[in-house]
Amino acid sequence: MTTVLSNLAVFFKRDLECLTREITAYPDDASLWAMVPGQPTSGGNLALHLVGNLRHFLGAALGNTGFVRDRPAEFATKDVPREALLKAIRTAGEEVAAALASLQPSRLDEPFPLELGGMRPTTQAVLLHLSTHLAFHLGQLDYHRRAVTGDSTSVGPLDLKFLPRAGR
């Protein structure tokens, strides 16, 4: 794996583990689906969206898993039990890891297999975008959980111990 690919694999793994901790930190299934004034999306729907996004763009587009995304359902579906969300996160993590492990470094500078917004950015640019997309929504999920529960405890996102060290 190239440095970019190995770093991305670390970041996706770290952030998917953070997603798992966020979902687990909700006190019950119902609070995952509670709506907060000023926030258009519940924690459960953010989790479904992140899973669908990663399984589509990494699992299916790069890993050929055959996953078919239903983006509207990611926001319309309600009351999925926490255990089902956690299982979906594990599946997404496995597909992301497999797709990155099998990706040839030479493909990073090639156009991504799918068109995005009428463009064909490089695979590397899409992977970086997907990583920041995941982190962006993790922040939203964290604020949702804190607003719903009143618990300001952090689940430890962006832990620096995961950063690759120079000279290793």
Protein backbone atom coordinates (compact mmCIF):
# COMPACT_ATOMS: atom_id res chain seq x y z
CA MET A 1 0.00 0.00 0.00
CA THR A 2 1.21 3.52 -0.64
CA THR A 3 1.50 6.02 2.13
CA VAL A 4 -1.73 7.71 1.02
CA LEU A 5 -3.61 4.42 0.93
CA SER A 6 -2.24 3.20 4.24
CA ASN A 7 -3.02 6.54 5.90
CA LEU A 8 -6.55 6.52 4.51
CA ALA A 9 -7.05 2.98 5.76
CA VAL A 10 -6.00 4.13 9.25
CA PHE A 11 -8.31 7.16 9.16
CA PHE A 12 -11.34 5.25 7.90
CA LYS A 13 -10.80 2.54 10.52
CA ARG A 14 -10.36 5.11 13.30
CA ASP A 15 -13.42 7.09 12.28
CA LEU A 16 -15.64 4.03 11.83
CA GLU A 17 -14.59 2.91 15.32
CA CYS A 18 -15.57 6.39 16.52
CA LEU A 19 -18.94 5.99 14.77
CA THR A 20 -19.43 2.75 16.69
CA ARG A 21 -18.58 4.49 19.99
CA GLU A 22 -21.00 7.33 19.20
CA ILE A 23 -23.87 4.94 18.49
CA THR A 24 -23.06 2.93 21.60
CA ALA A 25 -22.99 6.10 23.74
CA TYR A 26 -26.68 6.79 23.16
CA PRO A 27 -28.57 5.52 26.23
CA ASP A 28 -31.23 3.70 24.20
CA ASP A 29 -32.46 3.06 20.68
CA ALA A 30 -35.14 5.76 20.81
CA SER A 31 -32.67 8.57 21.50
CA LEU A 32 -30.85 7.75 18.25
CA TRP A 33 -33.95 8.82 16.34
CA ALA A 34 -34.90 11.88 18.41
CA MET A 35 -35.03 15.15 16.50
CA VAL A 36 -33.28 18.22 17.84
CA PRO A 37 -34.47 21.74 16.94
CA GLY A 38 -32.16 23.25 14.35
CA GLN A 39 -30.72 19.87 13.35
CA PRO A 40 -32.38 18.33 10.28
CA THR A 41 -31.13 14.78 10.79
CA SER A 42 -31.27 12.28 13.64
CA GLY A 43 -28.23 10.37 14.84
CA GLY A 44 -29.65 7.15 13.44
CA ASN A 45 -30.11 8.70 10.01
CA LEU A 46 -26.58 10.12 10.06
CA ALA A 47 -25.29 6.61 10.78
CA LEU A 48 -27.37 5.12 7.95
CA HIS A 49 -26.11 7.85 5.61
CA LEU A 50 -22.47 7.22 6.47
CA VAL A 51 -22.84 3.47 6.02
CA GLY A 52 -24.64 3.89 2.70
CA ASN A 53 -22.10 6.40 1.45
CA LEU A 54 -19.07 4.26 2.28
CA ARG A 55 -20.59 1.00 1.08
CA HIS A 56 -21.53 2.69 -2.21
CA PHE A 57 -18.36 4.64 -3.00
CA LEU A 58 -15.75 2.30 -1.51
CA GLY A 59 -17.45 -1.06 -1.21
CA ALA A 60 -19.31 -1.13 -4.52
CA ALA A 61 -17.41 1.33 -6.73
CA LEU A 62 -13.89 0.26 -5.73
CA GLY A 63 -14.43 -3.15 -4.10
CA ASN A 64 -17.08 -4.54 -6.46
CA THR A 65 -19.29 -5.74 -3.59
CA GLY A 66 -22.52 -5.34 -5.53
CA PHE A 67 -24.03 -3.10 -2.84
CA VAL A 68 -26.87 -0.97 -4.21
CA ARG A 69 -27.41 2.31 -2.41
CA ASP A 70 -30.80 3.77 -1.56
CA ARG A 71 -29.81 7.28 -0.49
CA PRO A 72 -33.36 8.56 0.15
CA ALA A 73 -33.91 5.64 2.56
CA GLU A 74 -30.82 6.68 4.52
CA PHE A 75 -32.77 9.76 5.61
CA ALA A 76 -36.34 8.39 5.57
CA THR A 77 -35.85 5.15 7.50
CA LYS A 78 -36.61 5.40 11.22
CA ASP A 79 -36.31 3.31 14.35
CA VAL A 80 -33.64 0.87 13.23
CA PRO A 81 -32.38 -0.91 16.37
CA ARG A 82 -28.91 0.06 17.54
CA GLU A 83 -27.61 -3.50 17.05
CA ALA A 84 -28.62 -3.40 13.38
CA LEU A 85 -26.80 -0.07 12.97
CA LEU A 86 -23.69 -1.47 14.63
CA LYS A 87 -23.78 -4.51 12.34
CA ALA A 88 -24.10 -2.22 9.30
CA ILE A 89 -21.12 -0.17 10.51
CA ARG A 90 -19.05 -3.36 10.86
CA THR A 91 -20.01 -4.42 7.34
CA ALA A 92 -19.07 -1.00 5.97
CA GLY A 93 -15.74 -1.18 7.79
CA GLU A 94 -14.95 -4.58 6.32
CA GLU A 95 -15.82 -3.38 2.82
CA VAL A 96 -13.79 -0.18 3.17
CA ALA A 97 -10.76 -2.08 4.44
CA ALA A 98 -10.99 -4.66 1.65
CA ALA A 99 -11.44 -2.02 -1.06
CA LEU A 100 -8.44 0.00 0.11
CA ALA A 101 -6.27 -3.09 0.54
CA SER A 102 -6.98 -4.23 -3.02
CA LEU A 103 -6.67 -0.81 -4.65
CA GLN A 104 -3.60 -0.50 -6.85
CA PRO A 105 -1.64 2.69 -6.11
CA SER A 106 -1.57 3.52 -9.82
CA ARG A 107 -5.36 3.97 -9.71
CA LEU A 108 -5.11 6.93 -7.33
CA ASP A 109 -4.37 9.34 -10.18
CA GLU A 110 -6.99 7.80 -12.47
CA PRO A 111 -10.58 9.03 -12.66
CA PHE A 112 -12.86 7.60 -9.99
CA PRO A 113 -15.10 4.88 -11.47
CA LEU A 114 -18.28 6.90 -10.84
CA GLU A 115 -19.20 10.40 -11.89
CA LEU A 116 -19.70 12.80 -8.97
CA GLY A 117 -21.56 16.04 -9.46
CA GLY A 118 -21.07 15.86 -13.21
CA MET A 119 -17.30 15.43 -12.81
CA ARG A 120 -14.78 12.60 -12.80
CA PRO A 121 -12.27 13.58 -10.08
CA THR A 122 -9.27 11.40 -9.38
CA THR A 123 -9.72 8.38 -7.16
CA GLN A 124 -7.37 9.94 -4.61
CA ALA A 125 -9.44 13.13 -4.47
CA VAL A 126 -12.64 11.13 -3.95
CA LEU A 127 -11.05 9.06 -1.18
CA LEU A 128 -9.88 12.20 0.61
CA HIS A 129 -13.33 13.71 0.16
CA LEU A 130 -14.99 10.60 1.60
CA SER A 131 -12.68 10.71 4.62
CA THR A 132 -13.54 14.35 5.35
CA HIS A 133 -17.24 13.64 4.68
CA LEU A 134 -17.14 10.92 7.33
CA ALA A 135 -15.40 13.22 9.83
CA PHE A 136 -17.87 16.06 9.13
CA HIS A 137 -20.87 13.87 9.87
CA LEU A 138 -19.19 12.36 12.93
CA GLY A 139 -19.10 15.87 14.37
CA GLN A 140 -22.79 16.31 13.63
CA LEU A 141 -23.55 12.97 15.24
CA ASP A 142 -21.55 13.91 18.32
CA TYR A 143 -23.49 17.15 18.73
CA HIS A 144 -26.78 15.34 18.17
CA ARG A 145 -25.96 12.78 20.87
CA ARG A 146 -24.92 15.49 23.33
CA ALA A 147 -28.07 17.55 22.65
CA VAL A 148 -30.40 14.57 22.97
CA THR A 149 -28.81 13.09 26.08
CA GLY A 150 -27.45 16.15 27.86
CA ASP A 151 -24.20 14.19 28.25
CA SER A 152 -21.15 16.20 27.18
CA THR A 153 -18.78 13.22 27.51
CA SER A 154 -16.51 12.77 24.51
CA VAL A 155 -16.16 9.40 22.81
CA GLY A 156 -12.59 10.27 21.78
CA PRO A 157 -12.80 11.24 18.11
CA LEU A 158 -9.66 12.02 16.16
CA ASP A 159 -7.41 10.27 18.64
CA LEU A 160 -3.83 11.21 17.75
CA LYS A 161 -2.45 7.82 18.81
CA PHE A 162 -3.66 6.48 15.46
CA LEU A 163 -1.51 8.85 13.42
CA PRO A 164 1.36 7.11 11.67
CA ARG A 165 4.71 8.18 13.09
CA ALA A 166 7.68 9.33 11.07
CA GLY A 167 10.43 6.80 10.64
CA ARG A 168 8.21 3.74 11.06
